[in-house]
Amino acid sequence: MGRVTEGARQIGSYWRTFVGDLMGDTHYRRYVAHRMRTHPGEPILSERDYWRMRHAATEANPGARCC
């Protein structure tokens, strides 16, 4: 009775991916893939520097934030 079906396992996997994307877990990986694809041979920021750049850009251009 305690077995998880393959469908439930797949739904859980999709849900974890969705929540991870929503929370920003894949942003750096997508940035690296983009840089490698569109700017091969050019330097890629470290993950730490990438997040510093993102936060600085958000602070400089807050846009339509509520707070």
PDB file of N, CA and C in Angstrom:
ATOM      1  N   MET A   1       0.812  -1.185   0.000  1.00  0.00           N
ATOM      2  CA  MET A   1       0.000   0.000   0.000  1.00  0.00           C
ATOM      3  C   MET A   1       0.863   1.260   0.000  1.00  0.00           C
ATOM      4  N   GLY A   2       2.067   1.261   0.493  1.00  0.00           N
ATOM      5  CA  GLY A   2       2.890   2.451   0.625  1.00  0.00           C
ATOM      6  C   GLY A   2       3.681   2.804  -0.624  1.00  0.00           C
ATOM      7  N   ARG A   3       3.358   2.197  -1.763  1.00  0.00           N
ATOM      8  CA  ARG A   3       4.111   2.474  -2.985  1.00  0.00           C
ATOM      9  C   ARG A   3       3.611   3.733  -3.668  1.00  0.00           C
ATOM     10  N   VAL A   4       4.550   4.487  -4.194  1.00  0.00           N
ATOM     11  CA  VAL A   4       4.214   5.687  -4.958  1.00  0.00           C
ATOM     12  C   VAL A   4       4.195   5.300  -6.425  1.00  0.00           C
ATOM     13  N   THR A   5       3.129   5.656  -7.112  1.00  0.00           N
ATOM     14  CA  THR A   5       3.035   5.318  -8.525  1.00  0.00           C
ATOM     15  C   THR A   5       3.979   6.191  -9.336  1.00  0.00           C
ATOM     16  N   GLU A   6       4.294   5.744 -10.534  1.00  0.00           N
ATOM     17  CA  GLU A   6       5.182   6.503 -11.413  1.00  0.00           C
ATOM     18  C   GLU A   6       4.582   7.863 -11.741  1.00  0.00           C
ATOM     19  N   GLY A   7       3.276   7.935 -11.937  1.00  0.00           N
ATOM     20  CA  GLY A   7       2.613   9.206 -12.229  1.00  0.00           C
ATOM     21  C   GLY A   7       2.770  10.205 -11.093  1.00  0.00           C
ATOM     22  N   ALA A   8       2.593   9.735  -9.858  1.00  0.00           N
ATOM     23  CA  ALA A   8       2.749  10.612  -8.699  1.00  0.00           C
ATOM     24  C   ALA A   8       4.193  11.074  -8.564  1.00  0.00           C
ATOM     25  N   ARG A   9       5.124  10.198  -8.854  1.00  0.00           N
ATOM     26  CA  ARG A   9       6.544  10.536  -8.805  1.00  0.00           C
ATOM     27  C   ARG A   9       6.866  11.623  -9.836  1.00  0.00           C
ATOM     28  N   GLN A  10       6.283  11.472 -11.025  1.00  0.00           N
ATOM     29  CA  GLN A  10       6.513  12.434 -12.104  1.00  0.00           C
ATOM     30  C   GLN A  10       5.899  13.788 -11.756  1.00  0.00           C
ATOM     31  N   ILE A  11       4.721  13.796 -11.186  1.00  0.00           N
ATOM     32  CA  ILE A  11       4.087  15.048 -10.764  1.00  0.00           C
ATOM     33  C   ILE A  11       4.949  15.735  -9.709  1.00  0.00           C
ATOM     34  N   GLY A  12       5.463  14.969  -8.759  1.00  0.00           N
ATOM     35  CA  GLY A  12       6.351  15.537  -7.740  1.00  0.00           C
ATOM     36  C   GLY A  12       7.593  16.148  -8.349  1.00  0.00           C
ATOM     37  N   SER A  13       8.160  15.495  -9.344  1.00  0.00           N
ATOM     38  CA  SER A  13       9.345  16.013 -10.015  1.00  0.00           C
ATOM     39  C   SER A  13       9.040  17.327 -10.731  1.00  0.00           C
ATOM     40  N   TYR A  14       7.906  17.365 -11.450  1.00  0.00           N
ATOM     41  CA  TYR A  14       7.505  18.608 -12.128  1.00  0.00           C
ATOM     42  C   TYR A  14       7.282  19.726 -11.124  1.00  0.00           C
ATOM     43  N   TRP A  15       6.649  19.408 -10.006  1.00  0.00           N
ATOM     44  CA  TRP A  15       6.356  20.413  -8.986  1.00  0.00           C
ATOM     45  C   TRP A  15       7.647  20.977  -8.398  1.00  0.00           C
ATOM     46  N   ARG A  16       8.616  20.117  -8.087  1.00  0.00           N
ATOM     47  CA  ARG A  16       9.894  20.590  -7.557  1.00  0.00           C
ATOM     48  C   ARG A  16      10.601  21.490  -8.556  1.00  0.00           C
ATOM     49  N   THR A  17      10.550  21.139  -9.844  1.00  0.00           N
ATOM     50  CA  THR A  17      11.161  21.961 -10.880  1.00  0.00           C
ATOM     51  C   THR A  17      10.467  23.317 -10.955  1.00  0.00           C
ATOM     52  N   PHE A  18       9.139  23.320 -10.919  1.00  0.00           N
ATOM     53  CA  PHE A  18       8.376  24.570 -10.977  1.00  0.00           C
ATOM     54  C   PHE A  18       8.726  25.481  -9.806  1.00  0.00           C
ATOM     55  N   VAL A  19       8.712  24.937  -8.605  1.00  0.00           N
ATOM     56  CA  VAL A  19       9.006  25.730  -7.413  1.00  0.00           C
ATOM     57  C   VAL A  19      10.456  26.210  -7.452  1.00  0.00           C
ATOM     58  N   GLY A  20      11.371  25.369  -7.894  1.00  0.00           N
ATOM     59  CA  GLY A  20      12.770  25.779  -8.009  1.00  0.00           C
ATOM     60  C   GLY A  20      12.942  26.926  -8.985  1.00  0.00           C
ATOM     61  N   ASP A  21      12.250  26.872 -10.125  1.00  0.00           N
ATOM     62  CA  ASP A  21      12.299  27.971 -11.092  1.00  0.00           C
ATOM     63  C   ASP A  21      11.713  29.239 -10.491  1.00  0.00           C
ATOM     64  N   LEU A  22      10.613  29.090  -9.792  1.00  0.00           N
ATOM     65  CA  LEU A  22       9.945  30.231  -9.175  1.00  0.00           C
ATOM     66  C   LEU A  22      10.839  30.901  -8.137  1.00  0.00           C
ATOM     67  N   MET A  23      11.580  30.118  -7.392  1.00  0.00           N
ATOM     68  CA  MET A  23      12.433  30.652  -6.336  1.00  0.00           C
ATOM     69  C   MET A  23      13.815  31.080  -6.837  1.00  0.00           C
ATOM     70  N   GLY A  24      14.117  30.838  -8.089  1.00  0.00           N
ATOM     71  CA  GLY A  24      15.389  31.296  -8.646  1.00  0.00           C
ATOM     72  C   GLY A  24      16.504  30.271  -8.628  1.00  0.00           C
ATOM     73  N   ASP A  25      16.186  29.033  -8.313  1.00  0.00           N
ATOM     74  CA  ASP A  25      17.225  28.012  -8.212  1.00  0.00           C
ATOM     75  C   ASP A  25      17.934  27.740  -9.535  1.00  0.00           C
ATOM     76  N   THR A  26      17.269  27.976 -10.651  1.00  0.00           N
ATOM     77  CA  THR A  26      17.873  27.656 -11.951  1.00  0.00           C
ATOM     78  C   THR A  26      18.393  28.884 -12.699  1.00  0.00           C
ATOM     79  N   HIS A  27      18.269  30.061 -12.117  1.00  0.00           N
ATOM     80  CA  HIS A  27      18.680  31.275 -12.822  1.00  0.00           C
ATOM     81  C   HIS A  27      20.145  31.238 -13.237  1.00  0.00           C
ATOM     82  N   TYR A  28      21.020  30.876 -12.329  1.00  0.00           N
ATOM     83  CA  TYR A  28      22.445  30.881 -12.663  1.00  0.00           C
ATOM     84  C   TYR A  28      22.759  29.847 -13.736  1.00  0.00           C
ATOM     85  N   ARG A  29      22.171  28.672 -13.642  1.00  0.00           N
ATOM     86  CA  ARG A  29      22.414  27.652 -14.683  1.00  0.00           C
ATOM     87  C   ARG A  29      21.944  28.130 -16.047  1.00  0.00           C
ATOM     88  N   ARG A  30      20.797  28.805 -16.076  1.00  0.00           N
ATOM     89  CA  ARG A  30      20.306  29.343 -17.351  1.00  0.00           C
ATOM     90  C   ARG A  30      21.216  30.448 -17.871  1.00  0.00           C
ATOM     91  N   TYR A  31      21.744  31.281 -16.960  1.00  0.00           N
ATOM     92  CA  TYR A  31      22.684  32.332 -17.346  1.00  0.00           C
ATOM     93  C   TYR A  31      23.929  31.711 -17.981  1.00  0.00           C
ATOM     94  N   VAL A  32      24.499  30.693 -17.359  1.00  0.00           N
ATOM     95  CA  VAL A  32      25.695  30.026 -17.882  1.00  0.00           C
ATOM     96  C   VAL A  32      25.404  29.419 -19.255  1.00  0.00           C
ATOM     97  N   ALA A  33      24.279  28.742 -19.387  1.00  0.00           N
ATOM     98  CA  ALA A  33      23.926  28.145 -20.681  1.00  0.00           C
ATOM     99  C   ALA A  33      23.775  29.213 -21.755  1.00  0.00           C
ATOM    100  N   HIS A  34      23.154  30.327 -21.412  1.00  0.00           N
ATOM    101  CA  HIS A  34      22.997  31.431 -22.366  1.00  0.00           C
ATOM    102  C   HIS A  34      24.346  31.994 -22.790  1.00  0.00           C
ATOM    103  N   ARG A  35      25.224  32.240 -21.804  1.00  0.00           N
ATOM    104  CA  ARG A  35      26.546  32.806 -22.123  1.00  0.00           C
ATOM    105  C   ARG A  35      27.345  31.853 -23.004  1.00  0.00           C
ATOM    106  N   MET A  36      27.291  30.572 -22.711  1.00  0.00           N
ATOM    107  CA  MET A  36      28.046  29.596 -23.501  1.00  0.00           C
ATOM    108  C   MET A  36      27.501  29.506 -24.930  1.00  0.00           C
ATOM    109  N   ARG A  37      26.191  29.646 -25.062  1.00  0.00           N
ATOM    110  CA  ARG A  37      25.553  29.546 -26.367  1.00  0.00           C
ATOM    111  C   ARG A  37      25.753  30.811 -27.201  1.00  0.00           C
ATOM    112  N   THR A  38      25.610  31.989 -26.591  1.00  0.00           N
ATOM    113  CA  THR A  38      25.630  33.239 -27.344  1.00  0.00           C
ATOM    114  C   THR A  38      26.964  33.970 -27.314  1.00  0.00           C
ATOM    115  N   HIS A  39      27.806  33.665 -26.347  1.00  0.00           N
ATOM    116  CA  HIS A  39      29.106  34.328 -26.217  1.00  0.00           C
ATOM    117  C   HIS A  39      30.211  33.311 -25.912  1.00  0.00           C
ATOM    118  N   PRO A  40      30.408  32.335 -26.797  1.00  0.00           N
ATOM    119  CA  PRO A  40      31.409  31.292 -26.506  1.00  0.00           C
ATOM    120  C   PRO A  40      32.806  31.894 -26.387  1.00  0.00           C
ATOM    121  N   GLY A  41      33.550  31.386 -25.449  1.00  0.00           N
ATOM    122  CA  GLY A  41      34.924  31.834 -25.256  1.00  0.00           C
ATOM    123  C   GLY A  41      35.062  33.062 -24.381  1.00  0.00           C
ATOM    124  N   GLU A  42      33.963  33.741 -24.076  1.00  0.00           N
ATOM    125  CA  GLU A  42      34.025  34.912 -23.193  1.00  0.00           C
ATOM    126  C   GLU A  42      33.880  34.465 -21.746  1.00  0.00           C
ATOM    127  N   PRO A  43      34.414  35.263 -20.813  1.00  0.00           N
ATOM    128  CA  PRO A  43      34.333  34.869 -19.401  1.00  0.00           C
ATOM    129  C   PRO A  43      32.891  34.819 -18.900  1.00  0.00           C
ATOM    130  N   ILE A  44      32.665  33.959 -17.936  1.00  0.00           N
ATOM    131  CA  ILE A  44      31.355  33.802 -17.295  1.00  0.00           C
ATOM    132  C   ILE A  44      31.517  34.177 -15.830  1.00  0.00           C
ATOM    133  N   LEU A  45      30.589  34.987 -15.328  1.00  0.00           N
ATOM    134  CA  LEU A  45      30.648  35.387 -13.919  1.00  0.00           C
ATOM    135  C   LEU A  45      30.549  34.167 -13.009  1.00  0.00           C
ATOM    136  N   SER A  46      31.198  34.256 -11.863  1.00  0.00           N
ATOM    137  CA  SER A  46      31.007  33.214 -10.854  1.00  0.00           C
ATOM    138  C   SER A  46      29.572  33.337 -10.342  1.00  0.00           C
ATOM    139  N   GLU A  47      29.083  32.299  -9.698  1.00  0.00           N
ATOM    140  CA  GLU A  47      27.705  32.347  -9.204  1.00  0.00           C
ATOM    141  C   GLU A  47      27.534  33.484  -8.205  1.00  0.00           C
ATOM    142  N   ARG A  48      28.511  33.691  -7.377  1.00  0.00           N
ATOM    143  CA  ARG A  48      28.458  34.774  -6.387  1.00  0.00           C
ATOM    144  C   ARG A  48      28.369  36.140  -7.074  1.00  0.00           C
ATOM    145  N   ASP A  49      29.211  36.363  -8.076  1.00  0.00           N
ATOM    146  CA  ASP A  49      29.194  37.634  -8.801  1.00  0.00           C
ATOM    147  C   ASP A  49      27.901  37.812  -9.602  1.00  0.00           C
ATOM    148  N   TYR A  50      27.382  36.705 -10.136  1.00  0.00           N
ATOM    149  CA  TYR A  50      26.127  36.763 -10.864  1.00  0.00           C
ATOM    150  C   TYR A  50      25.009  37.280  -9.964  1.00  0.00           C
ATOM    151  N   TRP A  51      24.892  36.723  -8.759  1.00  0.00           N
ATOM    152  CA  TRP A  51      23.825  37.155  -7.859  1.00  0.00           C
ATOM    153  C   TRP A  51      24.036  38.582  -7.389  1.00  0.00           C
ATOM    154  N   ARG A  52      25.285  38.986  -7.197  1.00  0.00           N
ATOM    155  CA  ARG A  52      25.557  40.390  -6.848  1.00  0.00           C
ATOM    156  C   ARG A  52      25.059  41.307  -7.957  1.00  0.00           C
ATOM    157  N   MET A  53      25.358  40.946  -9.214  1.00  0.00           N
ATOM    158  CA  MET A  53      24.930  41.741 -10.354  1.00  0.00           C
ATOM    159  C   MET A  53      23.398  41.811 -10.408  1.00  0.00           C
ATOM    160  N   ARG A  54      22.726  40.690 -10.224  1.00  0.00           N
ATOM    161  CA  ARG A  54      21.260  40.660 -10.278  1.00  0.00           C
ATOM    162  C   ARG A  54      20.640  41.523  -9.199  1.00  0.00           C
ATOM    163  N   HIS A  55      21.161  41.416  -7.983  1.00  0.00           N
ATOM    164  CA  HIS A  55      20.602  42.206  -6.885  1.00  0.00           C
ATOM    165  C   HIS A  55      20.878  43.691  -7.075  1.00  0.00           C
ATOM    166  N   ALA A  56      22.055  44.033  -7.571  1.00  0.00           N
ATOM    167  CA  ALA A  56      22.382  45.438  -7.832  1.00  0.00           C
ATOM    168  C   ALA A  56      21.466  46.002  -8.912  1.00  0.00           C
ATOM    169  N   ALA A  57      21.194  45.221  -9.953  1.00  0.00           N
ATOM    170  CA  ALA A  57      20.310  45.682 -11.026  1.00  0.00           C
ATOM    171  C   ALA A  57      18.886  45.867 -10.502  1.00  0.00           C
ATOM    172  N   THR A  58      18.434  44.989  -9.641  1.00  0.00           N
ATOM    173  CA  THR A  58      17.095  45.100  -9.070  1.00  0.00           C
ATOM    174  C   THR A  58      16.982  46.343  -8.196  1.00  0.00           C
ATOM    175  N   GLU A  59      18.011  46.617  -7.418  1.00  0.00           N
ATOM    176  CA  GLU A  59      18.009  47.792  -6.564  1.00  0.00           C
ATOM    177  C   GLU A  59      18.079  49.077  -7.376  1.00  0.00           C
ATOM    178  N   ALA A  60      18.836  49.069  -8.474  1.00  0.00           N
ATOM    179  CA  ALA A  60      18.992  50.263  -9.311  1.00  0.00           C
ATOM    180  C   ALA A  60      17.715  50.558 -10.101  1.00  0.00           C
ATOM    181  N   ASN A  61      16.984  49.515 -10.505  1.00  0.00           N
ATOM    182  CA  ASN A  61      15.760  49.661 -11.289  1.00  0.00           C
ATOM    183  C   ASN A  61      14.639  48.854 -10.657  1.00  0.00           C
ATOM    184  N   PRO A  62      14.033  49.365  -9.594  1.00  0.00           N
ATOM    185  CA  PRO A  62      13.021  48.574  -8.883  1.00  0.00           C
ATOM    186  C   PRO A  62      11.768  48.278  -9.690  1.00  0.00           C
ATOM    187  N   GLY A  63      11.465  49.063 -10.673  1.00  0.00           N
ATOM    188  CA  GLY A  63      10.288  48.783 -11.498  1.00  0.00           C
ATOM    189  C   GLY A  63       9.000  48.879 -10.717  1.00  0.00           C
ATOM    190  N   ALA A  64       8.115  47.949 -10.919  1.00  0.00           N
ATOM    191  CA  ALA A  64       6.784  47.984 -10.314  1.00  0.00           C
ATOM    192  C   ALA A  64       6.694  47.116  -9.081  1.00  0.00           C
ATOM    193  N   ARG A  65       7.625  47.273  -8.194  1.00  0.00           N
ATOM    194  CA  ARG A  65       7.542  46.519  -6.928  1.00  0.00           C
ATOM    195  C   ARG A  65       6.520  47.150  -5.996  1.00  0.00           C
ATOM    196  N   CYS A  66       6.002  46.370  -5.120  1.00  0.00           N
ATOM    197  CA  CYS A  66       4.977  46.882  -4.215  1.00  0.00           C
ATOM    198  C   CYS A  66       5.600  47.656  -3.051  1.00  0.00           C
ATOM    199  N   CYS A  67       6.843  47.373  -2.706  1.00  0.00           N
ATOM    200  CA  CYS A  67       7.447  47.991  -1.529  1.00  0.00           C
ATOM    201  C   CYS A  67       8.705  48.769  -1.872  1.00  0.00           C
TER     202      CYS A  67
END
